[in-house]
């Protein structure tokens, strides 16, 4: 964890980075009212700091902002920001590690958490990271390049059944079995082009202008980074540390993520089930949380400037107890 020095003008947002649903997400996060002199906000997916800078611009002088990321490139940018604003704390790691690090620092309660799920633009646009089929580069896809295995490691060692399962479950790919068989036949795969060619061999060239490899690349990325497993583990941890009326704000980019978030939020809104013998009516037991408005999507103006915002969906949960 980094504890920075004096506040200053924040580092400008990288030109290639366009934070999605910026005003909606930050507004939902900070709209709750608290009496505490010091409020603690969490940006659980710092990326290049677009949302974090917007949060800082609306925070009070005594507030603190904890920014979390597992990507070393993102952490480098976060530390530059922290060196200029003493309200910023930086944690490198996955969400479960971040909650443990906060506890060690004596922080066990916070007033709002923002999670912007998925891959950041700088990750997609860097060929050496191997996230995109549009750029030929090493078949890596790791959010943290110091962790193992890479996408190439996994694809070159997993059996055909496992690859097919991942493509089917995480990419919702109808021809998962055939693609998995082609991947195994072509091994070893080393580059993004190798994987793209394996998929194209099965599915053929795109007829819509959008590559049919999108689903496969998404599935492999989710598998390599354990994205859904970490999300399932993190939601209860972040919600569990919320102060009363604190908010958990989540931006998801595909149905698998959104399904997990939607289900978890609904479970918190419904009062807990009571044993039949207790002399208490279910209606007398309050819910843990409330949904703040309906889910929101990016408007036409934003999607025109940032096509990656088209699939984004924002959900907000406020803790009541």
Protein backbone atom coordinates (compact mmCIF):
# COMPACT_ATOMS: atom_id res chain seq x y z
CA UNK A 1 0.00 0.00 0.00
CA UNK A 2 1.33 3.44 -0.91
CA UNK A 3 0.76 6.48 1.26
CA UNK A 4 1.38 9.59 -0.87
CA UNK A 5 2.34 13.17 -0.07
CA UNK A 6 0.79 16.61 -0.75
CA UNK A 7 -2.27 17.13 -2.98
CA UNK A 8 -1.69 18.59 -6.41
CA UNK A 9 -3.27 18.70 -9.86
CA UNK A 10 -4.16 15.11 -10.87
CA UNK A 11 -2.35 13.41 -13.74
CA UNK A 12 -4.48 13.80 -16.92
CA UNK A 13 -6.36 10.80 -18.23
CA UNK A 14 -4.55 8.94 -21.02
CA UNK A 15 -5.99 10.01 -24.35
CA UNK A 16 -6.74 6.44 -25.41
CA UNK A 17 -8.70 5.71 -22.25
CA UNK A 18 -12.41 6.54 -22.11
CA UNK A 19 -14.03 5.72 -18.76
CA UNK A 20 -17.46 4.20 -19.32
CA UNK A 21 -20.61 5.66 -17.71
CA UNK A 22 -18.38 8.11 -15.86
CA UNK A 23 -20.94 10.61 -14.57
CA UNK A 24 -23.54 7.96 -13.83
CA UNK A 25 -21.16 5.71 -11.87
CA UNK A 26 -19.44 8.44 -9.85
CA UNK A 27 -22.74 10.17 -9.16
CA UNK A 28 -24.32 6.96 -7.89
CA UNK A 29 -21.28 6.25 -5.72
CA UNK A 30 -21.06 9.63 -4.02
CA UNK A 31 -24.73 10.62 -3.76
CA UNK A 32 -25.28 8.84 -0.44
CA UNK A 33 -25.10 11.14 2.59
CA UNK A 34 -22.81 10.46 5.57
CA UNK A 35 -22.06 12.40 8.75
CA UNK A 36 -18.49 11.13 9.16
CA UNK A 37 -15.68 13.63 8.74
CA UNK A 38 -13.57 11.06 6.92
CA UNK A 39 -15.19 8.92 4.25
CA UNK A 40 -13.40 6.10 2.47
CA UNK A 41 -14.10 5.37 -1.18
CA UNK A 42 -12.83 2.36 -3.13
CA UNK A 43 -12.05 2.24 -6.84
CA UNK A 44 -11.59 -1.49 -7.19
CA UNK A 45 -10.57 -1.37 -10.87
CA UNK A 46 -8.26 1.63 -11.31
CA UNK A 47 -7.31 0.96 -14.95
CA UNK A 48 -5.91 4.31 -16.08
CA UNK A 49 -7.72 6.28 -13.43
CA UNK A 50 -10.63 7.88 -15.29
CA UNK A 51 -13.20 7.07 -12.64
CA UNK A 52 -10.71 7.64 -9.81
CA UNK A 53 -9.93 11.19 -10.95
CA UNK A 54 -13.63 11.99 -11.18
CA UNK A 55 -14.15 10.65 -7.66
CA UNK A 56 -11.23 12.75 -6.37
CA UNK A 57 -12.69 15.89 -7.95
CA UNK A 58 -15.87 15.45 -5.88
CA UNK A 59 -14.39 14.17 -2.63
CA UNK A 60 -14.02 16.29 0.51
CA UNK A 61 -10.54 17.25 1.66
CA UNK A 62 -10.62 14.75 4.53
CA UNK A 63 -11.83 11.80 2.47
CA UNK A 64 -9.61 8.93 1.32
CA UNK A 65 -9.65 7.08 -1.98
CA UNK A 66 -8.29 3.53 -2.16
CA UNK A 67 -7.44 2.42 -5.70
CA UNK A 68 -6.93 -1.25 -6.54
CA UNK A 69 -5.59 -3.03 -9.60
CA UNK A 70 -3.53 -6.12 -10.39
CA UNK A 71 -2.07 -4.80 -13.63
CA UNK A 72 1.45 -3.38 -13.01
CA UNK A 73 0.99 -0.80 -15.78
CA UNK A 74 -2.16 0.47 -14.07
CA UNK A 75 -0.42 0.52 -10.69
CA UNK A 76 2.38 2.65 -12.14
CA UNK A 77 -0.18 5.26 -13.21
CA UNK A 78 -1.95 4.97 -9.84
CA UNK A 79 1.28 5.67 -7.97
CA UNK A 80 1.87 8.77 -10.09
CA UNK A 81 -1.56 9.97 -9.03
CA UNK A 82 -0.89 9.04 -5.40
CA UNK A 83 2.35 11.02 -5.44
CA UNK A 84 0.29 14.11 -6.29
CA UNK A 85 -2.69 13.68 -3.99
CA UNK A 86 -2.31 12.64 -0.35
CA UNK A 87 -5.87 11.33 -0.22
CA UNK A 88 -4.98 8.35 -2.46
CA UNK A 89 -3.90 4.91 -1.26
CA UNK A 90 -2.74 2.31 -3.80
CA UNK A 91 -3.10 -1.46 -3.48
CA UNK A 92 -1.80 -3.88 -6.08
CA UNK A 93 -3.54 -7.25 -6.21
CA UNK A 94 -6.85 -8.97 -6.75
CA UNK A 95 -9.91 -7.89 -4.78
CA UNK A 96 -9.63 -10.57 -2.11
CA UNK A 97 -6.02 -9.52 -1.46
CA UNK A 98 -7.07 -5.87 -1.36
CA UNK A 99 -9.66 -6.43 1.37
CA UNK A 100 -7.04 -8.27 3.44
CA UNK A 101 -4.55 -5.42 2.89
CA UNK A 102 -7.14 -2.88 4.02
CA UNK A 103 -7.79 -4.89 7.19
CA UNK A 104 -4.05 -4.95 7.95
CA UNK A 105 -4.06 -1.16 7.56
CA UNK A 106 -6.93 -0.91 10.04
CA UNK A 107 -9.56 -0.12 7.39
CA UNK A 108 -12.54 -2.43 7.80
CA UNK A 109 -15.35 -0.14 6.71
CA UNK A 110 -15.84 2.02 3.60
CA UNK A 111 -18.57 4.24 2.21
CA UNK A 112 -18.66 3.19 -1.42
CA UNK A 113 -17.07 0.78 -3.88
CA UNK A 114 -16.87 1.11 -7.67
CA UNK A 115 -16.04 -1.94 -9.81
CA UNK A 116 -15.58 -1.38 -13.54
CA UNK A 117 -15.30 -4.95 -14.81
CA UNK A 118 -13.63 -6.21 -17.94
CA UNK A 119 -10.55 -5.16 -19.88
CA UNK A 120 -9.31 -1.58 -20.12
CA UNK A 121 -8.64 0.10 -23.46
CA UNK A 122 -4.86 0.28 -22.90
CA UNK A 123 -4.79 -3.48 -22.31
CA UNK A 124 -6.74 -4.17 -25.50
CA UNK A 125 -4.63 -1.75 -27.52
CA UNK A 126 -1.23 -3.14 -26.45
CA UNK A 127 -0.20 -5.97 -28.79
CA UNK A 128 2.29 -7.34 -26.26
CA UNK A 129 -0.50 -8.02 -23.76
CA UNK A 130 -2.21 -10.45 -26.14
CA UNK A 131 -5.81 -9.54 -25.28
CA UNK A 132 -7.02 -8.66 -28.77
CA UNK A 133 -7.26 -10.66 -32.00
CA UNK A 134 -6.92 -7.39 -33.92
CA UNK A 135 -3.23 -7.11 -33.01
CA UNK A 136 -0.74 -9.93 -33.44
CA UNK A 137 1.31 -10.49 -30.32
CA UNK A 138 2.18 -13.05 -27.64
CA UNK A 139 -0.80 -15.13 -26.54
CA UNK A 140 -0.73 -13.82 -22.98
CA UNK A 141 -4.02 -12.23 -21.75
CA UNK A 142 -2.91 -12.00 -18.09
CA UNK A 143 -4.13 -8.98 -16.14
CA UNK A 144 -0.99 -9.45 -14.05
CA UNK A 145 1.85 -10.66 -16.30
CA UNK A 146 3.73 -11.92 -13.25
CA UNK A 147 1.06 -14.52 -12.57
CA UNK A 148 0.76 -17.90 -14.31
CA UNK A 149 -0.36 -19.46 -16.54
CA UNK A 150 -0.59 -17.33 -19.66
CA UNK A 151 -3.24 -18.02 -22.28
CA UNK A 152 -0.65 -19.91 -24.35
CA UNK A 153 0.37 -22.00 -21.33
CA UNK A 154 -3.22 -22.94 -20.62
CA UNK A 155 -4.28 -23.62 -24.23
CA UNK A 156 -1.19 -25.74 -24.87
CA UNK A 157 -1.68 -27.89 -21.77
CA UNK A 158 -5.43 -28.20 -21.16
CA UNK A 159 -7.21 -31.18 -22.63
CA UNK A 160 -9.80 -30.82 -25.37
CA UNK A 161 -12.76 -31.35 -23.05
CA UNK A 162 -11.61 -28.59 -20.71
CA UNK A 163 -11.04 -26.12 -23.52
CA UNK A 164 -14.46 -26.91 -24.99
CA UNK A 165 -16.10 -26.40 -21.59
CA UNK A 166 -14.46 -22.99 -21.12
CA UNK A 167 -15.40 -21.81 -24.63
CA UNK A 168 -18.97 -22.97 -24.11
CA UNK A 169 -19.47 -21.60 -20.57
CA UNK A 170 -17.43 -18.39 -20.68
CA UNK A 171 -17.78 -17.52 -24.36
CA UNK A 172 -21.22 -19.02 -24.99
CA UNK A 173 -19.71 -20.44 -28.16
CA UNK A 174 -22.00 -22.89 -29.94
CA UNK A 175 -19.14 -24.58 -31.80
CA UNK A 176 -16.92 -24.89 -28.74
CA UNK A 177 -16.12 -28.57 -29.32
CA UNK A 178 -14.94 -28.05 -32.89
CA UNK A 179 -12.83 -25.03 -31.98
CA UNK A 180 -11.25 -26.90 -29.07
CA UNK A 181 -10.40 -29.79 -31.37
CA UNK A 182 -8.78 -27.39 -33.86
CA UNK A 183 -6.79 -25.69 -31.09
CA UNK A 184 -5.43 -29.04 -29.91
CA UNK A 185 -4.59 -30.04 -33.49
CA UNK A 186 -2.58 -26.85 -34.04
CA UNK A 187 -0.63 -26.88 -30.77
CA UNK A 188 1.61 -25.30 -29.72
CA UNK A 189 -0.10 -21.92 -30.11
CA UNK A 190 2.16 -18.96 -29.37
CA UNK A 191 0.50 -15.81 -30.73
CA UNK A 192 -2.92 -14.20 -30.93
CA UNK A 193 -2.85 -14.87 -34.68
CA UNK A 194 -2.40 -18.58 -33.99
CA UNK A 195 -5.60 -18.61 -31.93
CA UNK A 196 -7.46 -16.40 -34.41
CA UNK A 197 -6.58 -18.75 -37.28
CA UNK A 198 -7.76 -21.78 -35.31
CA UNK A 199 -11.14 -20.12 -34.70
CA UNK A 200 -11.45 -18.87 -38.26
CA UNK A 201 -10.72 -22.34 -39.59
CA UNK A 202 -13.88 -23.56 -37.83
CA UNK A 203 -16.19 -20.55 -38.08
CA UNK A 204 -15.02 -19.03 -41.34
CA UNK A 205 -14.54 -15.30 -42.00
CA UNK A 206 -16.88 -12.82 -40.37
CA UNK A 207 -20.07 -11.95 -42.24
CA UNK A 208 -21.01 -9.06 -39.95
CA UNK A 209 -17.76 -7.10 -39.77
CA UNK A 210 -17.23 -8.26 -36.19
CA UNK A 211 -14.80 -11.12 -35.78
CA UNK A 212 -16.32 -14.43 -34.77
CA UNK A 213 -13.26 -14.92 -32.54
CA UNK A 214 -14.59 -12.47 -29.95
CA UNK A 215 -16.33 -15.21 -27.94
CA UNK A 216 -13.27 -17.47 -27.86
CA UNK A 217 -10.89 -14.68 -26.83
CA UNK A 218 -13.31 -13.59 -24.11
CA UNK A 219 -13.61 -17.12 -22.78
CA UNK A 220 -9.86 -17.73 -22.66
CA UNK A 221 -9.26 -14.36 -20.97
CA UNK A 222 -11.89 -15.09 -18.31
CA UNK A 223 -10.35 -18.50 -17.67
CA UNK A 224 -6.76 -17.26 -17.43
CA UNK A 225 -7.66 -14.45 -15.01
CA UNK A 226 -10.37 -16.31 -13.06
CA UNK A 227 -12.56 -13.26 -13.57
CA UNK A 228 -15.90 -14.80 -12.63
CA UNK A 229 -14.52 -16.68 -9.64
CA UNK A 230 -12.92 -13.53 -8.26
CA UNK A 231 -16.12 -11.55 -8.84
CA UNK A 232 -18.19 -14.09 -6.92
CA UNK A 233 -15.70 -14.00 -4.05
CA UNK A 234 -15.31 -10.21 -4.02
CA UNK A 235 -18.94 -9.06 -4.01
CA UNK A 236 -19.66 -10.32 -0.46
CA UNK A 237 -16.35 -8.89 0.78
CA UNK A 238 -16.91 -5.42 -0.65
CA UNK A 239 -20.57 -5.37 0.42
CA UNK A 240 -19.66 -6.71 3.86
CA UNK A 241 -17.41 -3.71 4.55
CA UNK A 242 -19.93 -1.07 3.47
CA UNK A 243 -21.09 1.43 6.06
CA UNK A 244 -24.84 1.89 6.42
CA UNK A 245 -26.08 3.66 3.26
CA UNK A 246 -22.80 2.92 1.51
CA UNK A 247 -23.08 1.84 -2.11
CA UNK A 248 -21.65 -0.89 -4.28
CA UNK A 249 -21.55 0.32 -7.90
CA UNK A 250 -20.73 -2.22 -10.63
CA UNK A 251 -20.26 -1.76 -14.38
CA UNK A 252 -20.35 -5.07 -16.28
CA UNK A 253 -19.67 -5.71 -19.95
CA UNK A 254 -21.12 -9.12 -20.75
CA UNK A 255 -24.01 -11.27 -19.61
CA UNK A 256 -21.92 -13.66 -17.50
CA UNK A 257 -20.64 -10.85 -15.27
CA UNK A 258 -23.97 -9.08 -15.15
CA UNK A 259 -25.79 -12.26 -14.21
CA UNK A 260 -23.55 -12.75 -11.19
CA UNK A 261 -23.95 -9.13 -10.09
CA UNK A 262 -27.72 -9.12 -10.64
CA UNK A 263 -28.21 -12.33 -8.68
CA UNK A 264 -26.05 -11.18 -5.77
CA UNK A 265 -27.81 -7.81 -5.58
CA UNK A 266 -31.23 -9.47 -5.56
CA UNK A 267 -30.17 -11.80 -2.76
CA UNK A 268 -29.20 -8.80 -0.61
CA UNK A 269 -32.49 -7.02 -1.28
CA UNK A 270 -34.65 -9.98 -0.22
CA UNK A 271 -34.91 -10.38 3.59
CA UNK A 272 -33.11 -13.48 4.91
CA UNK A 273 -35.16 -16.66 5.34
CA UNK A 274 -36.17 -17.46 8.92
CA UNK A 275 -36.47 -20.86 10.60
CA UNK A 276 -40.14 -21.90 10.72
CA UNK A 277 -40.27 -22.14 14.51
CA UNK A 278 -39.17 -18.56 15.18
CA UNK A 279 -42.10 -16.41 16.42
CA UNK A 280 -41.24 -13.63 13.95
CA UNK A 281 -42.98 -12.85 10.71
CA UNK A 282 -40.78 -12.64 7.63
CA UNK A 283 -42.19 -9.17 6.90
CA UNK A 284 -40.74 -7.94 10.21
CA UNK A 285 -37.18 -8.77 9.14
CA UNK A 286 -35.69 -5.91 7.14
CA UNK A 287 -33.74 -6.41 3.95
CA UNK A 288 -29.98 -5.84 4.01
CA UNK A 289 -29.97 -3.52 1.03
CA UNK A 290 -31.97 -1.74 -1.65
CA UNK A 291 -31.46 -1.37 -5.37
CA UNK A 292 -30.80 2.24 -6.37
CA UNK A 293 -32.85 2.74 -9.51
CA UNK A 294 -32.85 0.37 -12.45
CA UNK A 295 -29.80 -0.87 -14.31
CA UNK A 296 -28.44 1.72 -16.71
CA UNK A 297 -26.68 1.59 -20.06
CA UNK A 298 -24.62 4.12 -21.99
CA UNK A 299 -26.49 6.65 -24.08
CA UNK A 300 -26.16 7.20 -27.81
CA UNK A 301 -23.76 10.12 -27.42
CA UNK A 302 -21.33 8.08 -25.32
CA UNK A 303 -21.49 4.99 -27.52
CA UNK A 304 -20.88 7.13 -30.61
CA UNK A 305 -17.61 8.38 -29.08
CA UNK A 306 -16.71 5.10 -27.37
CA UNK A 307 -18.09 1.95 -29.07
CA UNK A 308 -16.80 -0.21 -26.19
CA UNK A 309 -19.49 1.36 -24.00
CA UNK A 310 -22.29 -0.31 -25.98
CA UNK A 311 -22.36 -3.45 -23.84
CA UNK A 312 -21.80 -1.72 -20.49
CA UNK A 313 -24.45 -2.02 -17.79
CA UNK A 314 -24.46 -0.18 -14.46
CA UNK A 315 -26.06 -1.55 -11.29
CA UNK A 316 -26.12 0.07 -7.84
CA UNK A 317 -26.79 -1.53 -4.45
CA UNK A 318 -27.10 0.47 -1.21
CA UNK A 319 -26.58 -1.14 2.19
CA UNK A 320 -29.33 -0.49 4.74
CA UNK A 321 -28.18 -2.44 7.81
